[in-house]
C-alpha cells in the first residue's frame, strides 16, 4: 500500500474517531476539552496533509515551520473565540 493511501486511511480513521468521541461525549465532557480534542486531531490531520500530500518534508524546513505556526495561530484563535462564546452563553 502506498504512503498516500495509508495517509488517506489514517485521515479517514481520525475523522471517524473524532466524530464518534464528540458525538458520544458531548453531553458529558466540558466544551473546552472537546474543543481541545477536535483541534489536536485537526493538527495531526493537517500535519499528515502537509507531509504526505503537499510534500513538505525535511527539505522544506522553512515552509513547514511557517505553515505549522500558521495552523497553531489559527487553532489558538478558534479556541479563544470558542471560549468567549461559551462564556457569554453561560456554558
N, C-alpha and C. Protein backbone atom coordinates (compact mmCIF):
# COMPACT_ATOMS: atom_id res chain seq x y z
N UNK A 1 0.85 -1.17 0.00
CA UNK A 1 0.00 0.00 0.00
C UNK A 1 0.90 1.24 0.00
N UNK A 2 0.56 2.22 -0.80
CA UNK A 2 1.38 3.42 -0.93
C UNK A 2 1.24 4.32 0.30
N UNK A 3 2.17 5.23 0.43
CA UNK A 3 2.15 6.17 1.55
C UNK A 3 0.91 7.06 1.50
N UNK A 4 0.52 7.48 0.30
CA UNK A 4 -0.66 8.33 0.17
C UNK A 4 -1.92 7.57 0.59
N UNK A 5 -2.02 6.32 0.22
CA UNK A 5 -3.19 5.51 0.61
C UNK A 5 -3.23 5.33 2.12
N UNK A 6 -2.06 5.07 2.73
CA UNK A 6 -2.01 4.94 4.19
C UNK A 6 -2.39 6.24 4.88
N UNK A 7 -1.90 7.36 4.34
CA UNK A 7 -2.24 8.66 4.92
C UNK A 7 -3.73 8.93 4.78
N UNK A 8 -4.30 8.60 3.63
CA UNK A 8 -5.74 8.80 3.43
C UNK A 8 -6.55 7.97 4.41
N UNK A 9 -6.16 6.71 4.61
CA UNK A 9 -6.85 5.86 5.58
C UNK A 9 -6.71 6.41 7.00
N UNK A 10 -5.53 6.91 7.33
CA UNK A 10 -5.32 7.49 8.65
C UNK A 10 -6.20 8.73 8.83
N UNK A 11 -6.31 9.56 7.80
CA UNK A 11 -7.17 10.74 7.87
C UNK A 11 -8.63 10.35 8.06
N UNK A 12 -9.08 9.35 7.35
CA UNK A 12 -10.46 8.90 7.50
C UNK A 12 -10.71 8.32 8.89
N UNK A 13 -9.76 7.56 9.41
CA UNK A 13 -9.90 6.98 10.74
C UNK A 13 -9.92 8.08 11.81
N UNK A 14 -9.06 9.09 11.66
CA UNK A 14 -9.06 10.20 12.60
C UNK A 14 -10.37 10.97 12.55
N UNK A 15 -10.90 11.17 11.36
CA UNK A 15 -12.18 11.87 11.22
C UNK A 15 -13.30 11.08 11.89
N UNK A 16 -13.37 9.79 11.61
CA UNK A 16 -14.42 8.96 12.21
C UNK A 16 -14.27 8.88 13.73
N UNK A 17 -13.04 8.76 14.19
CA UNK A 17 -12.80 8.70 15.63
C UNK A 17 -13.19 9.99 16.33
N UNK A 18 -12.85 11.12 15.73
CA UNK A 18 -13.22 12.40 16.33
C UNK A 18 -14.73 12.57 16.35
N UNK A 19 -15.37 12.21 15.27
CA UNK A 19 -16.83 12.30 15.20
C UNK A 19 -17.48 11.43 16.28
N UNK A 20 -16.97 10.22 16.46
CA UNK A 20 -17.53 9.31 17.46
C UNK A 20 -17.32 9.86 18.88
N UNK A 21 -16.12 10.34 19.17
CA UNK A 21 -15.84 10.85 20.52
C UNK A 21 -16.70 12.07 20.82
N UNK A 22 -16.78 12.99 19.88
CA UNK A 22 -17.53 14.22 20.12
C UNK A 22 -19.02 13.93 20.23
N UNK A 23 -19.55 13.07 19.38
CA UNK A 23 -20.99 12.81 19.46
C UNK A 23 -21.36 11.98 20.68
N UNK A 24 -20.50 11.10 21.13
CA UNK A 24 -20.82 10.29 22.31
C UNK A 24 -20.56 11.03 23.62
N UNK A 25 -19.56 11.90 23.64
CA UNK A 25 -19.15 12.52 24.90
C UNK A 25 -19.55 13.98 25.00
N UNK A 26 -20.30 14.51 24.04
CA UNK A 26 -20.58 15.94 24.04
C UNK A 26 -21.41 16.38 25.24
N UNK A 27 -22.18 15.49 25.81
CA UNK A 27 -23.01 15.87 26.96
C UNK A 27 -22.31 15.61 28.30
N UNK A 28 -21.18 14.91 28.26
CA UNK A 28 -20.52 14.52 29.49
C UNK A 28 -19.21 15.26 29.75
N UNK A 29 -18.61 15.80 28.72
CA UNK A 29 -17.32 16.46 28.87
C UNK A 29 -17.46 17.97 28.72
N UNK A 30 -16.56 18.73 29.35
CA UNK A 30 -16.60 20.18 29.19
C UNK A 30 -16.32 20.58 27.73
N UNK A 31 -16.89 21.71 27.34
CA UNK A 31 -16.72 22.16 25.96
C UNK A 31 -15.25 22.43 25.63
N UNK A 32 -14.51 22.92 26.60
CA UNK A 32 -13.10 23.20 26.37
C UNK A 32 -12.31 21.94 26.04
N UNK A 33 -12.61 20.85 26.74
CA UNK A 33 -11.92 19.59 26.47
C UNK A 33 -12.29 19.04 25.11
N UNK A 34 -13.55 19.18 24.73
CA UNK A 34 -13.96 18.74 23.40
C UNK A 34 -13.29 19.57 22.32
N UNK A 35 -13.22 20.88 22.52
CA UNK A 35 -12.55 21.74 21.55
C UNK A 35 -11.07 21.39 21.45
N UNK A 36 -10.43 21.14 22.59
CA UNK A 36 -9.03 20.74 22.59
C UNK A 36 -8.83 19.45 21.81
N UNK A 37 -9.71 18.48 22.02
CA UNK A 37 -9.63 17.20 21.31
C UNK A 37 -9.77 17.39 19.80
N UNK A 38 -10.76 18.17 19.41
CA UNK A 38 -11.00 18.39 17.99
C UNK A 38 -9.81 19.10 17.35
N UNK A 39 -9.28 20.13 18.01
CA UNK A 39 -8.17 20.88 17.43
C UNK A 39 -6.87 20.08 17.44
N UNK A 40 -6.68 19.23 18.42
CA UNK A 40 -5.50 18.37 18.42
C UNK A 40 -5.54 17.39 17.25
N UNK A 41 -6.68 16.77 17.04
CA UNK A 41 -6.83 15.85 15.90
C UNK A 41 -6.70 16.62 14.59
N UNK A 42 -7.26 17.83 14.53
CA UNK A 42 -7.13 18.65 13.32
C UNK A 42 -5.67 18.98 13.04
N UNK A 43 -4.90 19.23 14.09
CA UNK A 43 -3.47 19.48 13.91
C UNK A 43 -2.72 18.27 13.37
N UNK A 44 -3.06 17.09 13.88
CA UNK A 44 -2.45 15.86 13.38
C UNK A 44 -2.83 15.65 11.92
N UNK A 45 -4.09 15.90 11.59
CA UNK A 45 -4.54 15.74 10.21
C UNK A 45 -3.85 16.74 9.29
N UNK A 46 -3.70 17.98 9.76
CA UNK A 46 -3.01 18.99 8.95
C UNK A 46 -1.56 18.60 8.72
N UNK A 47 -0.93 18.04 9.75
CA UNK A 47 0.45 17.58 9.62
C UNK A 47 0.55 16.47 8.57
N UNK A 48 -0.36 15.52 8.63
CA UNK A 48 -0.36 14.44 7.63
C UNK A 48 -0.55 14.98 6.21
N UNK A 49 -1.44 15.93 6.07
CA UNK A 49 -1.67 16.52 4.74
C UNK A 49 -0.43 17.24 4.26
N UNK A 50 0.21 18.02 5.14
CA UNK A 50 1.41 18.74 4.74
C UNK A 50 2.53 17.81 4.32
N UNK A 51 2.72 16.75 5.08
CA UNK A 51 3.84 15.85 4.80
C UNK A 51 3.54 14.90 3.64
N UNK A 52 2.35 14.29 3.65
CA UNK A 52 2.07 13.23 2.67
C UNK A 52 1.51 13.74 1.35
N UNK A 53 0.68 14.76 1.38
CA UNK A 53 0.03 15.21 0.15
C UNK A 53 0.72 16.43 -0.46
N UNK A 54 1.10 17.39 0.37
CA UNK A 54 1.75 18.59 -0.14
C UNK A 54 3.24 18.34 -0.36
N UNK A 55 3.80 17.42 0.40
CA UNK A 55 5.21 17.07 0.22
C UNK A 55 6.17 17.97 0.97
N UNK A 56 5.70 18.61 2.01
CA UNK A 56 6.58 19.47 2.81
C UNK A 56 7.20 18.60 3.88
N UNK A 57 8.38 18.13 3.58
CA UNK A 57 9.08 17.25 4.50
C UNK A 57 10.30 17.93 5.09
N UNK A 58 11.34 17.18 5.25
CA UNK A 58 12.56 17.68 5.89
C UNK A 58 13.29 18.70 5.02
N UNK A 59 13.14 18.60 3.73
CA UNK A 59 13.86 19.51 2.84
C UNK A 59 13.30 20.92 2.87
N UNK A 60 12.04 21.07 3.17
CA UNK A 60 11.38 22.37 3.16
C UNK A 60 11.11 22.85 4.58
N UNK A 61 12.15 22.90 5.37
CA UNK A 61 12.01 23.23 6.78
C UNK A 61 11.37 24.61 7.00
N UNK A 62 11.74 25.61 6.24
CA UNK A 62 11.19 26.95 6.40
C UNK A 62 9.70 27.00 6.12
N UNK A 63 9.29 26.41 5.00
CA UNK A 63 7.86 26.39 4.65
C UNK A 63 7.06 25.61 5.67
N UNK A 64 7.63 24.50 6.10
CA UNK A 64 6.93 23.68 7.10
C UNK A 64 6.73 24.46 8.39
N UNK A 65 7.75 25.18 8.82
CA UNK A 65 7.66 25.98 10.04
C UNK A 65 6.60 27.07 9.90
N UNK A 66 6.59 27.74 8.76
CA UNK A 66 5.60 28.80 8.53
C UNK A 66 4.19 28.23 8.58
N UNK A 67 3.96 27.12 7.91
CA UNK A 67 2.61 26.53 7.89
C UNK A 67 2.19 25.99 9.24
N UNK A 68 3.10 25.39 9.98
CA UNK A 68 2.77 24.87 11.30
C UNK A 68 2.46 26.03 12.26
N UNK A 69 3.23 27.10 12.20
CA UNK A 69 2.94 28.26 13.05
C UNK A 69 1.58 28.86 12.68
N UNK A 70 1.30 28.95 11.38
CA UNK A 70 0.00 29.45 10.93
C UNK A 70 -1.14 28.59 11.48
N UNK A 71 -1.00 27.28 11.40
CA UNK A 71 -2.04 26.39 11.91
C UNK A 71 -2.20 26.52 13.42
N UNK A 72 -1.10 26.68 14.14
CA UNK A 72 -1.18 26.85 15.59
C UNK A 72 -1.88 28.15 15.95
N UNK A 73 -1.58 29.23 15.23
CA UNK A 73 -2.24 30.51 15.48
C UNK A 73 -3.73 30.39 15.17
N UNK A 74 -4.06 29.76 14.06
CA UNK A 74 -5.46 29.59 13.67
C UNK A 74 -6.23 28.79 14.72
N UNK A 75 -5.67 27.68 15.17
CA UNK A 75 -6.33 26.87 16.20
C UNK A 75 -6.44 27.64 17.51
N UNK A 76 -5.42 28.39 17.87
CA UNK A 76 -5.48 29.19 19.09
C UNK A 76 -6.57 30.24 19.03
N UNK A 77 -6.71 30.89 17.88
CA UNK A 77 -7.78 31.87 17.72
C UNK A 77 -9.16 31.22 17.80
N UNK A 78 -9.29 30.06 17.19
CA UNK A 78 -10.58 29.37 17.24
C UNK A 78 -10.93 28.94 18.66
N UNK A 79 -9.95 28.47 19.41
CA UNK A 79 -10.20 28.10 20.81
C UNK A 79 -10.57 29.33 21.62
N UNK A 80 -9.89 30.45 21.37
CA UNK A 80 -10.20 31.69 22.10
C UNK A 80 -11.62 32.16 21.78
N UNK A 81 -12.00 32.13 20.51
CA UNK A 81 -13.36 32.53 20.14
C UNK A 81 -14.39 31.59 20.75
N UNK A 82 -14.08 30.29 20.79
CA UNK A 82 -14.98 29.34 21.41
C UNK A 82 -15.13 29.63 22.90
N UNK A 83 -14.03 29.93 23.56
CA UNK A 83 -14.09 30.23 24.99
C UNK A 83 -14.93 31.48 25.26
N UNK A 84 -14.75 32.50 24.42
CA UNK A 84 -15.52 33.73 24.60
C UNK A 84 -17.00 33.48 24.36
N UNK A 85 -17.32 32.72 23.32
CA UNK A 85 -18.74 32.46 23.04
C UNK A 85 -19.36 31.59 24.12
N UNK A 86 -18.62 30.60 24.64
CA UNK A 86 -19.15 29.77 25.72
C UNK A 86 -19.34 30.58 26.99
N UNK A 87 -18.41 31.49 27.27
CA UNK A 87 -18.51 32.32 28.47
C UNK A 87 -19.70 33.28 28.36
N UNK A 88 -19.91 33.83 27.18
CA UNK A 88 -21.02 34.76 27.03
C UNK A 88 -22.37 34.04 27.02
N UNK A 89 -22.37 32.76 26.64
CA UNK A 89 -23.62 31.98 26.64
C UNK A 89 -23.87 31.33 27.99
N UNK A 90 -22.89 31.41 28.89
CA UNK A 90 -23.05 30.82 30.22
C UNK A 90 -22.83 29.32 30.24
N UNK A 91 -22.06 28.78 29.30
CA UNK A 91 -21.81 27.34 29.28
C UNK A 91 -20.58 26.98 30.06
